[in-house]
Each structure stands twice: as C-alpha cells, then as structure tokens.
C-alpha cells in the first residue's frame, strides 16, 4: 500500500488549540498516518493510506469541528 499526501486549506483557525483540535480529529481517522496542521499557513498536511480513508472524510471531520475548508 502506497501512502499518499494531501494538503487541505482551512479557514477559521485562530489559535494553537484550533490546530491541535484539527490534528487530533484527523489522526483519529483510520488510515491517517500523520497530520501536521499549521496556524500560520492555515494548512493541514496529511499523510494517509488511500485504501483506508479518502480526503472527503478528512474534510468532513474538519467541518464537523466547526472550520471551513477552502
């Protein structure tokens, strides 16, 4: 299984608690290997197993946490 990477642009994060909440939410998804969320860029860089999880599921988690995805 090859890992894939995706960068998701997020709006609405204002502090380190926001980035931690998004990173924790993404890491709970089965198939997500790592999630690096940066407040300064508003980006989540996610490494994942495409056979286990799709980017749509990641976007849903972020939106469910109350943030917008560009």
C-alpha atoms as a PDB file:
ATOM      1  CA  UNK A   1       0.000   0.000   0.000  1.00  0.00           C
ATOM      2  CA  UNK A   2       1.406   3.312  -1.049  1.00  0.00           C
ATOM      3  CA  UNK A   3       0.932   6.315   1.175  1.00  0.00           C
ATOM      4  CA  UNK A   4      -0.458   9.494  -0.302  1.00  0.00           C
ATOM      5  CA  UNK A   5      -0.204  13.101   0.833  1.00  0.00           C
ATOM      6  CA  UNK A   6      -2.816  15.821   0.684  1.00  0.00           C
ATOM      7  CA  UNK A   7      -2.770  19.464   1.745  1.00  0.00           C
ATOM      8  CA  UNK A   8      -6.082  20.885   2.949  1.00  0.00           C
ATOM      9  CA  UNK A   9      -6.613  24.646   3.241  1.00  0.00           C
ATOM     10  CA  UNK A  10      -8.583  25.520   6.391  1.00  0.00           C
ATOM     11  CA  UNK A  11     -10.293  28.773   7.378  1.00  0.00           C
ATOM     12  CA  UNK A  12     -11.314  29.744  10.888  1.00  0.00           C
ATOM     13  CA  UNK A  13      -8.376  28.561  12.979  1.00  0.00           C
ATOM     14  CA  UNK A  14      -7.293  31.313  15.384  1.00  0.00           C
ATOM     15  CA  UNK A  15      -5.012  29.655  17.935  1.00  0.00           C
ATOM     16  CA  UNK A  16      -2.903  26.621  18.744  1.00  0.00           C
ATOM     17  CA  UNK A  17      -5.916  24.955  20.354  1.00  0.00           C
ATOM     18  CA  UNK A  18      -7.647  25.115  16.953  1.00  0.00           C
ATOM     19  CA  UNK A  19      -4.732  23.450  15.174  1.00  0.00           C
ATOM     20  CA  UNK A  20      -4.474  20.779  17.871  1.00  0.00           C
ATOM     21  CA  UNK A  21      -8.199  20.020  17.606  1.00  0.00           C
ATOM     22  CA  UNK A  22      -7.971  19.621  13.832  1.00  0.00           C
ATOM     23  CA  UNK A  23      -4.815  17.484  14.029  1.00  0.00           C
ATOM     24  CA  UNK A  24      -6.340  15.245  16.715  1.00  0.00           C
ATOM     25  CA  UNK A  25      -9.552  14.857  14.720  1.00  0.00           C
ATOM     26  CA  UNK A  26      -7.674  13.885  11.581  1.00  0.00           C
ATOM     27  CA  UNK A  27      -5.399  11.439  13.407  1.00  0.00           C
ATOM     28  CA  UNK A  28      -8.450   9.593  14.766  1.00  0.00           C
ATOM     29  CA  UNK A  29      -9.446   8.600  11.234  1.00  0.00           C
ATOM     30  CA  UNK A  30      -8.466   5.061  10.345  1.00  0.00           C
ATOM     31  CA  UNK A  31      -5.777   5.268   7.661  1.00  0.00           C
ATOM     32  CA  UNK A  32      -4.360   8.675   8.587  1.00  0.00           C
ATOM     33  CA  UNK A  33      -0.643   8.218   9.281  1.00  0.00           C
ATOM     34  CA  UNK A  34       0.141  11.812  10.252  1.00  0.00           C
ATOM     35  CA  UNK A  35      -1.471  15.232  10.273  1.00  0.00           C
ATOM     36  CA  UNK A  36       0.610  18.401  10.531  1.00  0.00           C
ATOM     37  CA  UNK A  37      -1.628  21.456  10.979  1.00  0.00           C
ATOM     38  CA  UNK A  38      -0.054  24.914  10.821  1.00  0.00           C
ATOM     39  CA  UNK A  39      -1.813  28.010  12.120  1.00  0.00           C
ATOM     40  CA  UNK A  40       0.468  30.375  10.182  1.00  0.00           C
ATOM     41  CA  UNK A  41      -0.422  28.895   6.782  1.00  0.00           C
ATOM     42  CA  UNK A  42      -3.904  27.572   7.545  1.00  0.00           C
ATOM     43  CA  UNK A  43      -2.924  24.235   6.057  1.00  0.00           C
ATOM     44  CA  UNK A  44      -3.220  20.636   7.149  1.00  0.00           C
ATOM     45  CA  UNK A  45      -0.650  18.349   5.564  1.00  0.00           C
ATOM     46  CA  UNK A  46      -1.907  14.793   5.873  1.00  0.00           C
ATOM     47  CA  UNK A  47      -0.182  11.510   5.060  1.00  0.00           C
ATOM     48  CA  UNK A  48      -2.695   8.699   4.621  1.00  0.00           C
ATOM     49  CA  UNK A  49      -3.449   5.246   3.232  1.00  0.00           C
ATOM     50  CA  UNK A  50      -5.787   5.780   0.247  1.00  0.00           C
ATOM     51  CA  UNK A  51      -7.176   2.266   0.651  1.00  0.00           C
ATOM     52  CA  UNK A  52      -8.400   3.093   4.173  1.00  0.00           C
ATOM     53  CA  UNK A  53      -9.510   6.740   4.029  1.00  0.00           C
ATOM     54  CA  UNK A  54     -10.396   9.370   1.442  1.00  0.00           C
ATOM     55  CA  UNK A  55      -9.829  13.152   1.576  1.00  0.00           C
ATOM     56  CA  UNK A  56     -13.630  13.646   1.679  1.00  0.00           C
ATOM     57  CA  UNK A  57     -13.651  12.033   5.139  1.00  0.00           C
ATOM     58  CA  UNK A  58     -10.900  14.404   6.282  1.00  0.00           C
ATOM     59  CA  UNK A  59     -12.868  17.425   5.046  1.00  0.00           C
ATOM     60  CA  UNK A  60     -15.958  16.163   6.905  1.00  0.00           C
ATOM     61  CA  UNK A  61     -14.008  15.895  10.179  1.00  0.00           C
ATOM     62  CA  UNK A  62     -12.668  19.433   9.791  1.00  0.00           C
ATOM     63  CA  UNK A  63     -16.125  20.822   9.007  1.00  0.00           C
ATOM     64  CA  UNK A  64     -17.671  18.868  11.907  1.00  0.00           C
ATOM     65  CA  UNK A  65     -15.141  20.606  14.184  1.00  0.00           C
ATOM     66  CA  UNK A  66     -16.501  23.965  13.008  1.00  0.00           C
ATOM     67  CA  UNK A  67     -13.899  25.065  10.481  1.00  0.00           C
ATOM     68  CA  UNK A  68     -14.270  25.842   6.790  1.00  0.00           C
ATOM     69  CA  UNK A  69     -12.304  24.105   4.067  1.00  0.00           C
ATOM     70  CA  UNK A  70     -11.268  26.136   1.014  1.00  0.00           C
END
